[in-house]
Amino acid sequence: MINSKRLLLAFSFITTSIFLQAQLTVNQARLEKRIMDLAQFGIQENGQTERVAFSDADLAAQQWVISQLKEMGLETHIDFAGNVIGIRKGTDPSKKPISFGSHIDRVPNGGNYDGCVGSMAAIEVLMILNENKIQTKHPLEIIIFSNEEGGVMGSRAIAGHLGKKALPIVNSTGYSMAEGIMRLGGDTTRITEVARKKDEIAAFLELHIEQGGTLEKEDIQIGIVEGIVGLAWWEVEFTGFANHAGTTPMNARQDALLAAAKFIVAVNEVTSSFEGAQVGTVGKIKAEPGAPNVIPGKVVTSLEIRDLSLEMIEKVYEAIKTRAKEIAKASNVQIELRPLDTTADPAIMTAAIQDEIASSASQLGLTTKRMPSGAGHDAQDMALIAPTGMIFIPSKGGISHSPKEFSSATDMANGANVLLNTILSLDKNLD
């Protein structure tokens, strides 16, 4: 015989739990404050923040994050790649973790929101769950990835794709990846132990600013990322002959910088000649000996190509390489294009997780748009080993990698609420 009183109590408990979950929201003011608190690490006299990976400011911010996680009772450690990992236990030890997070390092002269919103929102989500005494079946794992801006180092290590060739690459702080890993508390001799197997993580989520102006222009509150473009980097070296600028006739010069300038123009022309949304960029250049009265004898530039198709990246590169050889011959210089171990394959986000994000946003009354990401993210590497989803919020003016980068407190809270509710939904629906 069914006990009607007990059944009524059970039904009341279930409906109350559903109602609480639907109404559960993050603390918007606290989230915004934490963003501003993080911005103090590396703050300069002009009010801007410099926090490039491996810098003293990056290390200090890392320790601050660790203290935040430990205060919440999370099991916290730094892995061998310098990632900060925090674990909130679930009620079912047999369940795989639901992981989420982003990064806190920045490009030189960058802004306060890229990566930071996703990282601070992840902390806020965990605080809300603690404050409401909500226990998930799955363990929840927050990951603050190391050196995202310098080659998605931390996430690449977790995906098992951080090759040895990447370790000597030096960033603007003057530290190589290998030196940086050690500074962050990692261990380069044990990098391979960081790699996760494909069946170790139930799902991964990353919240991020859009880094473009689509959401703002279309007045959309939440972007649901369908895929992240692949990218490939090369170092391009031009070798001419350094000589006196006053005594060497124009027709007798082997000017490496002139050849590099023609190459930069060619990259723009070649990339634009193909149909599609592919992009090609030269963002770094160094001329030697670097004196105004000496013809440059050596120049090193970067080359980056991005697209959702690896085939298109290869087509663009081959066309650029052909033009580069023509320029080198006409300029009487030598040219070498060296691939760097920082390539990333295009990543398609998991359809079922896209749907969960859409459902969570809808329940919160937020407008959505499914869209690609033209920028690389840690989610790109995590998609190699786990079902992955990515949430975008608007970035004012589409500005990113700039001190003028800005996302409103409302937009940040919207994204954090979608992250929170998607995590709870995944916890209920995933094995």
Protein backbone atom coordinates (compact mmCIF):
# COMPACT_ATOMS: atom_id res chain seq x y z
CA MET A 1 0.00 0.00 0.00
CA ILE A 2 1.32 3.41 -0.95
CA ASN A 3 1.86 5.80 1.95
CA SER A 4 0.15 8.96 0.62
CA LYS A 5 1.74 11.24 3.20
CA ARG A 6 5.24 10.01 2.34
CA LEU A 7 4.48 10.30 -1.38
CA LEU A 8 3.27 13.88 -0.89
CA LEU A 9 6.42 14.79 1.01
CA ALA A 10 8.60 13.25 -1.70
CA PHE A 11 6.73 15.11 -4.43
CA SER A 12 7.06 18.35 -2.45
CA PHE A 13 10.81 17.80 -2.06
CA ILE A 14 11.28 17.11 -5.79
CA THR A 15 9.26 20.11 -6.95
CA THR A 16 11.01 22.37 -4.43
CA SER A 17 14.41 21.14 -5.66
CA ILE A 18 13.45 21.79 -9.28
CA PHE A 19 12.17 25.24 -8.36
CA LEU A 20 15.35 26.07 -6.44
CA GLN A 21 17.52 24.92 -9.33
CA ALA A 22 15.52 27.00 -11.81
CA GLN A 23 15.77 30.07 -9.56
CA LEU A 24 19.43 29.56 -8.60
CA THR A 25 21.50 32.53 -9.77
CA VAL A 26 24.99 33.83 -9.18
CA ASN A 27 25.85 36.90 -7.11
CA GLN A 28 26.40 39.51 -9.83
CA ALA A 29 28.04 42.10 -7.57
CA ARG A 30 30.42 39.56 -6.10
CA LEU A 31 31.39 38.29 -9.55
CA GLU A 32 32.14 41.79 -10.76
CA LYS A 33 34.17 42.53 -7.63
CA ARG A 34 36.22 39.39 -8.10
CA ILE A 35 37.01 40.46 -11.67
CA MET A 36 38.24 43.80 -10.32
CA ASP A 37 40.19 42.10 -7.53
CA LEU A 38 41.97 39.91 -10.07
CA ALA A 39 42.78 43.01 -12.14
CA GLN A 40 44.92 44.31 -9.25
CA PHE A 41 47.55 41.65 -9.92
CA GLY A 42 50.02 43.39 -12.22
CA ILE A 43 48.35 46.80 -12.10
CA GLN A 44 50.52 49.64 -13.44
CA GLU A 45 50.75 53.35 -12.60
CA ASN A 46 48.50 54.13 -15.57
CA GLY A 47 45.80 51.88 -14.14
CA GLN A 48 46.26 49.14 -16.71
CA THR A 49 47.23 45.60 -15.79
CA GLU A 50 50.18 43.61 -17.15
CA ARG A 51 49.92 39.91 -16.36
CA VAL A 52 51.67 37.90 -19.04
CA ALA A 53 52.11 34.19 -18.28
CA PHE A 54 55.07 33.37 -16.00
CA SER A 55 55.42 36.97 -14.76
CA ASP A 56 55.51 37.76 -11.05
CA ALA A 57 51.94 39.10 -11.40
CA ASP A 58 50.80 35.83 -12.97
CA LEU A 59 52.34 33.84 -10.12
CA ALA A 60 50.73 36.10 -7.50
CA ALA A 61 47.31 35.83 -9.20
CA GLN A 62 47.69 32.06 -9.34
CA GLN A 63 48.29 31.89 -5.58
CA TRP A 64 45.30 34.17 -4.95
CA VAL A 65 43.06 31.83 -6.96
CA ILE A 66 44.38 28.86 -5.02
CA SER A 67 43.53 30.59 -1.74
CA GLN A 68 39.98 31.22 -3.01
CA LEU A 69 39.51 27.56 -3.88
CA LYS A 70 40.92 26.31 -0.60
CA GLU A 71 38.63 28.63 1.35
CA MET A 72 35.70 26.83 -0.31
CA GLY A 73 37.04 23.49 0.84
CA LEU A 74 38.16 22.26 -2.57
CA GLU A 75 41.00 19.80 -2.93
CA THR A 76 43.45 22.05 -4.76
CA HIS A 77 46.81 21.52 -6.41
CA ILE A 78 49.05 22.67 -9.26
CA ASP A 79 49.62 19.97 -11.85
CA PHE A 80 52.91 19.33 -13.65
CA ALA A 81 52.00 21.77 -16.45
CA GLY A 82 51.29 24.63 -14.03
CA ASN A 83 47.49 24.36 -14.19
CA VAL A 84 45.52 25.13 -11.03
CA ILE A 85 43.11 22.27 -10.31
CA GLY A 86 40.32 22.31 -7.73
CA ILE A 87 38.00 19.37 -7.00
CA ARG A 88 34.58 19.53 -5.32
CA LYS A 89 33.54 15.99 -4.45
CA GLY A 90 30.30 14.52 -5.78
CA THR A 91 27.91 12.16 -4.03
CA ASP A 92 28.67 9.31 -6.42
CA PRO A 93 32.36 8.30 -6.42
CA SER A 94 31.85 6.29 -9.61
CA LYS A 95 30.97 9.40 -11.65
CA LYS A 96 33.49 11.15 -13.87
CA PRO A 97 34.12 14.83 -13.17
CA ILE A 98 32.37 17.69 -14.93
CA SER A 99 35.19 20.13 -15.60
CA PHE A 100 35.03 23.85 -16.33
CA GLY A 101 37.24 26.93 -16.23
CA SER A 102 39.45 29.18 -18.32
CA HIS A 103 42.67 31.18 -17.84
CA ILE A 104 43.92 34.29 -16.03
CA ASP A 105 47.10 35.12 -17.97
CA ARG A 106 46.88 37.99 -20.44
CA VAL A 107 48.47 39.26 -23.61
CA PRO A 108 50.83 42.23 -23.18
CA ASN A 109 48.76 45.38 -22.66
CA GLY A 110 45.61 43.30 -22.57
CA GLY A 111 42.28 43.69 -20.78
CA ASN A 112 40.58 42.45 -17.63
CA TYR A 113 37.98 40.13 -19.15
CA ASP A 114 39.52 37.72 -21.69
CA GLY A 115 39.75 34.39 -19.88
CA CYS A 116 39.23 36.08 -16.52
CA VAL A 117 35.42 36.11 -16.83
CA GLY A 118 35.32 32.35 -17.33
CA SER A 119 37.73 31.74 -14.47
CA MET A 120 36.02 34.01 -11.96
CA ALA A 121 32.56 32.79 -13.03
CA ALA A 122 33.71 29.23 -12.37
CA ILE A 123 34.67 30.22 -8.82
CA GLU A 124 31.33 32.02 -8.38
CA VAL A 125 29.41 28.92 -9.53
CA LEU A 126 31.15 26.81 -6.90
CA MET A 127 30.45 29.41 -4.20
CA ILE A 128 26.75 29.47 -5.07
CA LEU A 129 26.55 25.69 -4.87
CA ASN A 130 28.29 25.74 -1.48
CA GLU A 131 26.08 28.52 -0.13
CA ASN A 132 22.92 26.69 -1.23
CA LYS A 133 24.26 23.37 0.04
CA ILE A 134 23.69 21.75 -3.35
CA GLN A 135 25.57 18.51 -3.87
CA THR A 136 26.13 17.18 -7.38
CA LYS A 137 26.42 13.50 -8.24
CA HIS A 138 29.51 14.16 -10.34
CA PRO A 139 32.68 15.65 -8.91
CA LEU A 140 33.10 19.21 -10.17
CA GLU A 141 36.58 20.17 -11.37
CA ILE A 142 37.64 23.77 -11.87
CA ILE A 143 40.71 24.23 -14.08
CA ILE A 144 42.60 27.52 -14.35
CA PHE A 145 44.80 26.80 -17.36
CA SER A 146 48.39 28.00 -17.53
CA ASN A 147 49.77 30.15 -20.35
CA GLU A 148 46.73 30.13 -22.61
CA GLU A 149 47.83 33.25 -24.46
CA GLY A 150 51.28 31.90 -25.25
CA GLY A 151 50.11 28.70 -26.92
CA VAL A 152 47.31 27.10 -24.81
CA MET A 153 50.06 25.38 -22.89
CA GLY A 154 48.11 24.00 -19.93
CA SER A 155 45.14 22.64 -21.86
CA ARG A 156 47.42 21.22 -24.52
CA ALA A 157 49.31 19.31 -21.83
CA ILE A 158 46.05 17.91 -20.42
CA ALA A 159 45.06 16.82 -23.93
CA GLY A 160 48.45 15.13 -24.30
CA HIS A 161 49.58 17.38 -27.16
CA LEU A 162 52.23 19.62 -25.58
CA GLY A 163 55.27 18.59 -27.61
CA LYS A 164 58.89 19.03 -26.62
CA LYS A 165 59.40 21.55 -29.43
CA ALA A 166 57.07 23.98 -27.64
CA LEU A 167 59.06 24.05 -24.40
CA PRO A 168 61.93 26.30 -25.62
CA ILE A 169 59.53 28.96 -26.99
CA VAL A 170 60.08 32.22 -25.11
CA ASN A 171 57.29 34.69 -24.33
CA SER A 172 57.50 38.43 -23.71
CA THR A 173 58.59 37.94 -20.09
CA GLY A 174 61.82 36.36 -21.33
CA TYR A 175 60.94 32.94 -19.92
CA SER A 176 60.58 29.85 -22.05
CA MET A 177 57.59 27.54 -21.58
CA ALA A 178 59.86 25.11 -19.75
CA GLU A 179 61.10 27.82 -17.38
CA GLY A 180 57.57 29.13 -16.94
CA ILE A 181 56.20 25.72 -16.01
CA MET A 182 58.79 25.44 -13.28
CA ARG A 183 58.03 28.99 -12.04
CA LEU A 184 54.33 28.14 -11.79
CA GLY A 185 55.07 25.09 -9.68
CA GLY A 186 54.96 22.48 -12.41
CA ASP A 187 57.60 19.95 -13.44
CA THR A 188 58.81 19.64 -17.03
CA THR A 189 60.20 16.17 -16.38
CA ARG A 190 56.68 14.88 -15.63
CA ILE A 191 54.58 16.74 -18.25
CA THR A 192 53.33 13.51 -19.81
CA GLU A 193 51.65 12.57 -16.51
CA VAL A 194 49.27 15.51 -16.92
CA ALA A 195 47.61 14.01 -20.01
CA ARG A 196 44.06 12.71 -19.50
CA LYS A 197 42.48 9.77 -21.26
CA LYS A 198 39.37 10.29 -23.37
CA ASP A 199 37.12 8.57 -20.84
CA GLU A 200 38.29 10.50 -17.77
CA ILE A 201 36.10 13.64 -18.01
CA ALA A 202 32.30 13.56 -18.34
CA ALA A 203 32.13 17.03 -19.92
CA PHE A 204 34.06 20.28 -20.16
CA LEU A 205 32.59 23.80 -20.28
CA GLU A 206 34.24 27.17 -20.84
CA LEU A 207 32.66 30.60 -20.48
CA HIS A 208 34.41 33.40 -22.38
CA ILE A 209 33.87 36.85 -23.83
CA GLU A 210 33.09 36.67 -27.53
CA GLN A 211 36.19 38.60 -28.70
CA GLY A 212 34.11 39.94 -31.55
CA GLY A 213 31.15 42.24 -32.04
CA THR A 214 28.45 39.88 -33.35
CA LEU A 215 26.50 39.41 -30.11
CA GLU A 216 26.49 43.12 -29.29
CA LYS A 217 25.52 44.16 -32.83
CA GLU A 218 22.64 41.70 -32.92
CA ASP A 219 21.62 42.38 -29.30
CA ILE A 220 22.05 38.70 -28.35
CA GLN A 221 22.83 37.80 -24.75
CA ILE A 222 24.45 34.36 -25.10
CA GLY A 223 26.57 32.83 -27.84
CA ILE A 224 26.57 29.04 -28.18
CA VAL A 225 29.83 28.07 -29.82
CA GLU A 226 29.50 25.49 -32.59
CA GLY A 227 33.20 25.17 -33.36
CA ILE A 228 36.61 26.78 -32.84
CA VAL A 229 38.88 27.51 -35.77
CA GLY A 230 42.15 25.69 -36.21
CA LEU A 231 45.37 27.66 -36.31
CA ALA A 232 48.97 27.15 -37.34
CA TRP A 233 52.07 29.24 -36.60
CA TRP A 234 55.33 29.59 -38.45
CA GLU A 235 58.53 31.52 -37.82
CA VAL A 236 59.75 33.15 -41.03
CA GLU A 237 63.40 34.14 -41.34
CA PHE A 238 64.82 36.40 -44.04
CA THR A 239 68.60 36.46 -44.46
CA GLY A 240 70.19 39.21 -46.55
CA PHE A 241 73.40 41.12 -45.99
CA ALA A 242 73.93 43.89 -43.43
CA ASN A 243 75.82 46.82 -44.97
CA HIS A 244 76.33 50.57 -44.66
CA ALA A 245 73.13 52.46 -45.47
CA GLY A 246 74.97 55.45 -46.90
CA THR A 247 77.45 53.73 -49.19
CA THR A 248 75.47 50.81 -50.59
CA PRO A 249 73.57 51.63 -53.82
CA MET A 250 69.89 50.78 -53.89
CA ASN A 251 70.36 48.24 -56.68
CA ALA A 252 73.14 46.45 -54.80
CA ARG A 253 71.32 45.83 -51.53
CA GLN A 254 70.23 42.56 -49.97
CA ASP A 255 67.71 44.15 -47.66
CA ALA A 256 66.06 41.52 -45.47
CA LEU A 257 63.56 44.01 -44.05
CA LEU A 258 62.40 45.12 -47.49
CA ALA A 259 61.78 41.48 -48.42
CA ALA A 260 59.90 40.97 -45.13
CA ALA A 261 57.74 44.01 -45.84
CA LYS A 262 56.80 42.61 -49.25
CA PHE A 263 56.06 39.27 -47.58
CA ILE A 264 53.68 40.89 -45.08
CA VAL A 265 51.75 42.53 -47.91
CA ALA A 266 51.69 39.20 -49.75
CA VAL A 267 50.20 37.41 -46.71
CA ASN A 268 47.27 39.82 -46.76
CA GLU A 269 46.78 39.53 -50.52
CA VAL A 270 47.04 35.74 -50.68
CA THR A 271 44.76 35.09 -47.69
CA SER A 272 42.12 37.44 -49.10
CA SER A 273 42.25 35.78 -52.52
CA PHE A 274 40.47 32.64 -51.27
CA GLU A 275 36.72 32.49 -50.69
CA GLY A 276 35.81 31.90 -47.07
CA ALA A 277 36.45 33.29 -43.58
CA GLN A 278 40.11 32.27 -43.27
CA VAL A 279 42.56 34.80 -41.83
CA GLY A 280 46.32 35.22 -42.14
CA THR A 281 48.38 37.46 -39.88
CA VAL A 282 51.94 38.66 -39.36
CA GLY A 283 51.94 40.03 -35.83
CA LYS A 284 55.61 40.04 -34.89
CA ILE A 285 58.76 41.28 -36.57
CA LYS A 286 62.39 41.75 -35.50
CA ALA A 287 65.13 43.28 -37.64
CA GLU A 288 68.87 42.95 -37.06
CA PRO A 289 71.13 44.71 -36.38
CA GLY A 290 68.38 47.27 -35.79
CA ALA A 291 70.37 50.47 -36.42
CA PRO A 292 69.01 53.36 -38.57
CA ASN A 293 72.22 53.54 -40.62
CA VAL A 294 72.57 49.82 -41.35
CA ILE A 295 70.71 47.83 -44.00
CA PRO A 296 68.97 44.99 -42.12
CA GLY A 297 70.75 41.72 -42.76
CA LYS A 298 68.32 39.47 -40.88
CA VAL A 299 64.62 39.68 -40.14
CA VAL A 300 62.39 37.22 -38.30
CA THR A 301 58.60 37.47 -38.52
CA SER A 302 55.68 35.37 -37.39
CA LEU A 303 52.97 33.89 -39.59
CA GLU A 304 49.61 32.68 -38.33
CA ILE A 305 46.75 31.18 -40.38
CA ARG A 306 43.29 30.30 -38.98
CA ASP A 307 40.24 28.56 -40.38
CA LEU A 308 37.65 25.92 -39.47
CA SER A 309 39.20 23.71 -42.17
CA LEU A 310 42.71 22.27 -41.95
CA GLU A 311 42.58 21.84 -45.72
CA MET A 312 42.04 25.57 -46.17
CA ILE A 313 44.89 26.41 -43.78
CA GLU A 314 47.20 24.23 -45.86
CA LYS A 315 46.02 25.79 -49.15
CA VAL A 316 46.63 29.30 -47.88
CA TYR A 317 50.04 28.36 -46.50
CA GLU A 318 51.20 26.77 -49.75
CA ALA A 319 50.14 29.86 -51.70
CA ILE A 320 51.95 32.14 -49.24
CA LYS A 321 55.06 29.96 -49.43
CA THR A 322 55.09 30.25 -53.23
CA ARG A 323 54.86 34.04 -53.01
CA ALA A 324 57.59 34.08 -50.36
CA LYS A 325 59.99 32.25 -52.65
CA GLU A 326 59.27 34.71 -55.45
CA ILE A 327 59.93 37.64 -53.11
CA ALA A 328 63.17 36.10 -51.86
CA LYS A 329 64.45 35.57 -55.40
CA ALA A 330 63.58 39.11 -56.51
CA SER A 331 65.14 40.60 -53.35
CA ASN A 332 68.29 38.44 -53.46
CA VAL A 333 67.72 37.15 -49.92
CA GLN A 334 67.23 33.72 -48.40
CA ILE A 335 63.94 32.79 -46.76
CA GLU A 336 63.03 29.94 -44.42
CA LEU A 337 59.55 29.12 -43.09
CA ARG A 338 59.74 27.01 -39.93
CA PRO A 339 56.55 25.47 -38.50
CA LEU A 340 56.16 25.94 -34.74
CA ASP A 341 54.70 23.34 -32.42
CA THR A 342 51.73 25.56 -31.57
CA THR A 343 49.25 24.37 -34.18
CA ALA A 344 45.69 23.60 -33.10
CA ASP A 345 43.18 21.56 -35.05
CA PRO A 346 39.65 22.91 -35.57
CA ALA A 347 37.37 21.75 -32.77
CA ILE A 348 33.65 21.09 -33.12
CA MET A 349 31.71 21.52 -29.89
CA THR A 350 29.54 18.59 -28.77
CA ALA A 351 26.01 18.95 -30.16
CA ALA A 352 24.30 17.58 -27.03
CA ILE A 353 26.13 20.09 -24.83
CA GLN A 354 25.23 22.91 -27.22
CA ASP A 355 21.61 21.87 -26.70
CA GLU A 356 22.01 21.85 -22.90
CA ILE A 357 23.47 25.38 -23.03
CA ALA A 358 20.58 26.51 -25.24
CA SER A 359 18.02 24.97 -22.87
CA SER A 360 19.63 26.58 -19.80
CA ALA A 361 19.69 29.98 -21.49
CA SER A 362 16.07 29.60 -22.57
CA GLN A 363 14.95 28.73 -19.03
CA LEU A 364 16.68 31.90 -17.86
CA GLY A 365 14.89 33.95 -20.52
CA LEU A 366 18.09 34.79 -22.40
CA THR A 367 18.43 35.16 -26.16
CA THR A 368 20.98 32.94 -27.94
CA LYS A 369 22.86 32.54 -31.20
CA ARG A 370 24.86 29.55 -32.42
CA MET A 371 28.14 30.75 -33.84
CA PRO A 372 31.77 29.83 -34.58
CA SER A 373 34.77 31.11 -32.63
CA GLY A 374 37.50 32.77 -34.64
CA ALA A 375 39.80 32.80 -31.62
CA GLY A 376 41.50 29.81 -30.08
CA HIS A 377 40.59 28.73 -26.55
CA ASP A 378 41.45 26.07 -24.01
CA ALA A 379 38.16 24.37 -24.97
CA GLN A 380 39.75 23.62 -28.33
CA ASP A 381 42.22 21.19 -26.80
CA MET A 382 39.80 19.88 -24.20
CA ALA A 383 37.46 18.88 -27.05
CA LEU A 384 40.08 16.31 -28.06
CA ILE A 385 39.51 14.33 -24.87
CA ALA A 386 36.02 15.20 -23.59
CA PRO A 387 32.53 16.25 -24.70
CA THR A 388 32.91 20.02 -24.73
CA GLY A 389 30.76 23.13 -24.84
CA MET A 390 31.54 26.84 -24.90
CA ILE A 391 29.48 29.85 -23.85
CA PHE A 392 30.07 33.39 -25.17
CA ILE A 393 28.94 36.68 -23.68
CA PRO A 394 29.07 40.05 -25.48
CA SER A 395 32.26 42.09 -25.54
CA LYS A 396 31.61 45.83 -25.88
CA GLY A 397 32.53 47.03 -29.34
CA GLY A 398 33.90 43.59 -30.14
CA ILE A 399 37.15 44.73 -28.49
CA SER A 400 39.53 42.16 -27.03
CA HIS A 401 43.25 41.89 -26.21
CA SER A 402 43.10 45.57 -25.33
CA PRO A 403 42.84 47.70 -22.17
CA LYS A 404 39.50 48.88 -23.61
CA GLU A 405 38.09 45.35 -23.47
CA PHE A 406 34.84 45.36 -21.45
CA SER A 407 31.85 43.18 -20.63
CA SER A 408 29.08 44.46 -18.37
CA ALA A 409 28.32 42.96 -14.97
CA THR A 410 24.91 41.93 -16.30
CA ASP A 411 26.43 40.09 -19.26
CA MET A 412 28.98 38.36 -17.02
CA ALA A 413 26.23 37.25 -14.63
CA ASN A 414 24.10 36.01 -17.55
CA GLY A 415 26.97 33.86 -18.74
CA ALA A 416 27.73 32.58 -15.25
CA ASN A 417 24.07 31.67 -14.72
CA VAL A 418 24.02 29.72 -17.98
CA LEU A 419 27.24 27.98 -16.91
CA LEU A 420 25.76 27.15 -13.49
CA ASN A 421 22.50 25.75 -14.85
CA THR A 422 24.20 23.83 -17.63
CA ILE A 423 26.47 22.16 -15.08
CA LEU A 424 23.45 21.17 -12.98
CA SER A 425 21.63 19.88 -16.04
CA LEU A 426 24.63 17.86 -17.19
CA ASP A 427 25.02 16.46 -13.68
CA LYS A 428 21.44 15.19 -13.86
CA ASN A 429 21.55 13.86 -17.42
CA LEU A 430 25.06 12.45 -17.86
CA ASP A 431 26.08 8.96 -16.79
